[in-house]
Amino acid sequence: MQEYHVDPFPEVVEEPTQLVTAVFSHPLHGRLVERLILWVRPHLDMEGERYKLTWWGNGVAYYEPVSR
């Protein structure tokens, strides 16, 4: 390997320590749905709809729709 070469595929891959469940209302029928996410973000785009984070704790993140 060259001195300045960076391997794009390192052998060690760190897995997330805990998966987070995102809870949000479905854009068509309005019922609450759950999806696993790796990271909690302030905004989330799912199924063509944008959501904002309202609360997060104990591995569950609650999102509400954002009006565009």
N, C-alpha and C. Protein backbone atom coordinates (compact mmCIF):
# COMPACT_ATOMS: atom_id res chain seq x y z
N MET A 1 0.84 -1.17 0.00
CA MET A 1 0.00 0.00 0.00
C MET A 1 0.89 1.24 0.00
N GLN A 2 0.48 2.25 -0.72
CA GLN A 2 1.26 3.48 -0.80
C GLN A 2 1.19 4.25 0.52
N GLU A 3 2.13 5.16 0.67
CA GLU A 3 2.22 5.91 1.92
C GLU A 3 0.99 6.78 2.17
N TYR A 4 0.45 7.40 1.12
CA TYR A 4 -0.68 8.32 1.28
C TYR A 4 -2.00 7.72 0.82
N HIS A 5 -2.04 6.45 0.61
CA HIS A 5 -3.25 5.80 0.14
C HIS A 5 -4.22 5.59 1.31
N VAL A 6 -5.48 5.87 1.09
CA VAL A 6 -6.51 5.64 2.10
C VAL A 6 -7.43 4.54 1.59
N ASP A 7 -7.60 3.52 2.38
CA ASP A 7 -8.45 2.41 2.00
C ASP A 7 -9.91 2.81 2.16
N PRO A 8 -10.71 2.86 1.06
CA PRO A 8 -12.11 3.26 1.18
C PRO A 8 -12.98 2.20 1.87
N PHE A 9 -12.47 1.00 1.99
CA PHE A 9 -13.22 -0.08 2.62
C PHE A 9 -12.42 -0.65 3.79
N PRO A 10 -12.46 0.02 4.91
CA PRO A 10 -11.69 -0.50 6.05
C PRO A 10 -12.25 -1.84 6.52
N GLU A 11 -11.39 -2.63 7.11
CA GLU A 11 -11.81 -3.95 7.55
C GLU A 11 -12.73 -3.89 8.76
N VAL A 12 -12.54 -2.90 9.61
CA VAL A 12 -13.35 -2.78 10.82
C VAL A 12 -14.49 -1.81 10.55
N VAL A 13 -15.72 -2.28 10.74
CA VAL A 13 -16.89 -1.44 10.56
C VAL A 13 -17.61 -1.38 11.90
N GLU A 14 -17.80 -0.17 12.41
CA GLU A 14 -18.47 -0.02 13.69
C GLU A 14 -19.98 -0.03 13.48
N GLU A 15 -20.64 -0.92 14.16
CA GLU A 15 -22.10 -1.00 14.11
C GLU A 15 -22.68 0.01 15.10
N PRO A 16 -23.87 0.54 14.83
CA PRO A 16 -24.49 1.44 15.80
C PRO A 16 -24.74 0.70 17.11
N THR A 17 -24.55 1.40 18.23
CA THR A 17 -24.73 0.76 19.53
C THR A 17 -26.19 0.47 19.82
N GLN A 18 -27.09 1.31 19.32
CA GLN A 18 -28.51 1.11 19.56
C GLN A 18 -29.30 1.65 18.38
N LEU A 19 -30.22 0.86 17.88
CA LEU A 19 -31.12 1.33 16.84
C LEU A 19 -32.22 2.17 17.48
N VAL A 20 -32.70 3.14 16.75
CA VAL A 20 -33.75 4.04 17.25
C VAL A 20 -35.01 3.78 16.44
N THR A 21 -36.14 3.76 17.10
CA THR A 21 -37.43 3.60 16.44
C THR A 21 -38.04 4.97 16.22
N ALA A 22 -38.27 5.33 14.96
CA ALA A 22 -38.93 6.59 14.63
C ALA A 22 -40.43 6.35 14.56
N VAL A 23 -41.20 7.18 15.25
CA VAL A 23 -42.66 7.07 15.26
C VAL A 23 -43.22 8.33 14.61
N PHE A 24 -44.06 8.16 13.59
CA PHE A 24 -44.65 9.31 12.91
C PHE A 24 -45.97 8.89 12.29
N SER A 25 -46.80 9.87 11.94
CA SER A 25 -48.10 9.55 11.33
C SER A 25 -47.92 9.33 9.83
N HIS A 26 -48.60 8.33 9.31
CA HIS A 26 -48.52 8.01 7.89
C HIS A 26 -49.18 9.14 7.09
N PRO A 27 -48.57 9.58 5.98
CA PRO A 27 -49.12 10.71 5.23
C PRO A 27 -50.49 10.45 4.60
N LEU A 28 -50.85 9.20 4.34
CA LEU A 28 -52.14 8.92 3.70
C LEU A 28 -53.27 8.67 4.70
N HIS A 29 -53.06 7.76 5.64
CA HIS A 29 -54.16 7.40 6.55
C HIS A 29 -54.01 7.97 7.95
N GLY A 30 -52.88 8.57 8.30
CA GLY A 30 -52.73 9.26 9.58
C GLY A 30 -52.43 8.37 10.77
N ARG A 31 -52.44 7.06 10.61
CA ARG A 31 -52.12 6.18 11.73
C ARG A 31 -50.63 6.24 12.03
N LEU A 32 -50.27 5.99 13.29
CA LEU A 32 -48.87 5.99 13.67
C LEU A 32 -48.17 4.77 13.09
N VAL A 33 -46.98 5.00 12.54
CA VAL A 33 -46.16 3.92 12.01
C VAL A 33 -44.78 4.03 12.65
N GLU A 34 -44.06 2.92 12.64
CA GLU A 34 -42.73 2.87 13.22
C GLU A 34 -41.73 2.43 12.16
N ARG A 35 -40.56 3.05 12.17
CA ARG A 35 -39.46 2.68 11.28
C ARG A 35 -38.17 2.72 12.09
N LEU A 36 -37.28 1.76 11.83
CA LEU A 36 -35.98 1.78 12.48
C LEU A 36 -35.07 2.75 11.76
N ILE A 37 -34.36 3.57 12.53
CA ILE A 37 -33.40 4.51 11.97
C ILE A 37 -32.09 4.35 12.74
N LEU A 38 -30.99 4.73 12.11
CA LEU A 38 -29.68 4.60 12.76
C LEU A 38 -29.33 5.81 13.59
N TRP A 39 -29.73 6.99 13.14
CA TRP A 39 -29.40 8.23 13.84
C TRP A 39 -30.62 9.10 13.97
N VAL A 40 -30.73 9.80 15.08
CA VAL A 40 -31.82 10.76 15.28
C VAL A 40 -31.38 12.07 14.65
N ARG A 41 -32.22 12.58 13.76
CA ARG A 41 -31.94 13.85 13.08
C ARG A 41 -33.08 14.82 13.36
N PRO A 42 -32.83 16.12 13.26
CA PRO A 42 -33.89 17.09 13.52
C PRO A 42 -35.02 17.02 12.51
N HIS A 43 -34.72 16.60 11.28
CA HIS A 43 -35.76 16.44 10.25
C HIS A 43 -35.60 15.08 9.59
N LEU A 44 -36.72 14.55 9.13
CA LEU A 44 -36.75 13.22 8.54
C LEU A 44 -37.66 13.26 7.33
N ASP A 45 -37.24 12.66 6.22
CA ASP A 45 -38.07 12.56 5.02
C ASP A 45 -38.44 11.10 4.83
N MET A 46 -39.74 10.81 4.92
CA MET A 46 -40.23 9.45 4.75
C MET A 46 -41.46 9.46 3.86
N GLU A 47 -41.45 8.59 2.87
CA GLU A 47 -42.59 8.41 1.97
C GLU A 47 -43.08 9.72 1.37
N GLY A 48 -42.13 10.58 0.98
CA GLY A 48 -42.47 11.83 0.32
C GLY A 48 -42.94 12.94 1.25
N GLU A 49 -42.90 12.73 2.53
CA GLU A 49 -43.35 13.73 3.51
C GLU A 49 -42.18 14.11 4.42
N ARG A 50 -42.15 15.38 4.83
CA ARG A 50 -41.09 15.86 5.72
C ARG A 50 -41.63 15.94 7.15
N TYR A 51 -40.83 15.47 8.11
CA TYR A 51 -41.21 15.45 9.52
C TYR A 51 -40.14 16.14 10.34
N LYS A 52 -40.55 16.73 11.48
CA LYS A 52 -39.58 17.32 12.40
C LYS A 52 -39.62 16.59 13.73
N LEU A 53 -38.48 16.53 14.37
CA LEU A 53 -38.35 15.84 15.65
C LEU A 53 -39.06 16.63 16.73
N THR A 54 -39.91 15.95 17.51
CA THR A 54 -40.60 16.61 18.62
C THR A 54 -40.11 16.11 19.97
N TRP A 55 -39.71 14.85 20.07
CA TRP A 55 -39.23 14.30 21.33
C TRP A 55 -38.41 13.07 21.04
N TRP A 56 -37.40 12.83 21.91
CA TRP A 56 -36.54 11.68 21.72
C TRP A 56 -36.07 11.19 23.08
N GLY A 57 -36.18 9.89 23.33
CA GLY A 57 -35.68 9.31 24.57
C GLY A 57 -35.88 7.81 24.59
N ASN A 58 -34.98 7.11 25.28
CA ASN A 58 -35.06 5.65 25.46
C ASN A 58 -35.20 4.88 24.15
N GLY A 59 -34.50 5.32 23.12
CA GLY A 59 -34.51 4.61 21.85
C GLY A 59 -35.72 4.83 20.97
N VAL A 60 -36.55 5.84 21.30
CA VAL A 60 -37.72 6.16 20.49
C VAL A 60 -37.69 7.64 20.16
N ALA A 61 -37.89 7.97 18.88
CA ALA A 61 -37.94 9.37 18.43
C ALA A 61 -39.30 9.63 17.81
N TYR A 62 -39.97 10.67 18.29
CA TYR A 62 -41.30 11.03 17.78
C TYR A 62 -41.17 12.21 16.82
N TYR A 63 -41.79 12.07 15.65
CA TYR A 63 -41.75 13.09 14.62
C TYR A 63 -43.16 13.53 14.29
N GLU A 64 -43.31 14.82 13.91
CA GLU A 64 -44.60 15.31 13.44
C GLU A 64 -44.42 15.93 12.07
N PRO A 65 -45.47 15.91 11.22
CA PRO A 65 -45.35 16.43 9.86
C PRO A 65 -45.09 17.93 9.85
N VAL A 66 -44.33 18.36 8.86
CA VAL A 66 -44.04 19.78 8.65
C VAL A 66 -44.84 20.23 7.45
N SER A 67 -45.61 21.29 7.59
CA SER A 67 -46.36 21.81 6.43
C SER A 67 -45.40 22.59 5.55
N ARG A 68 -45.47 22.34 4.27
CA ARG A 68 -44.55 23.00 3.32
C ARG A 68 -45.15 24.23 2.77
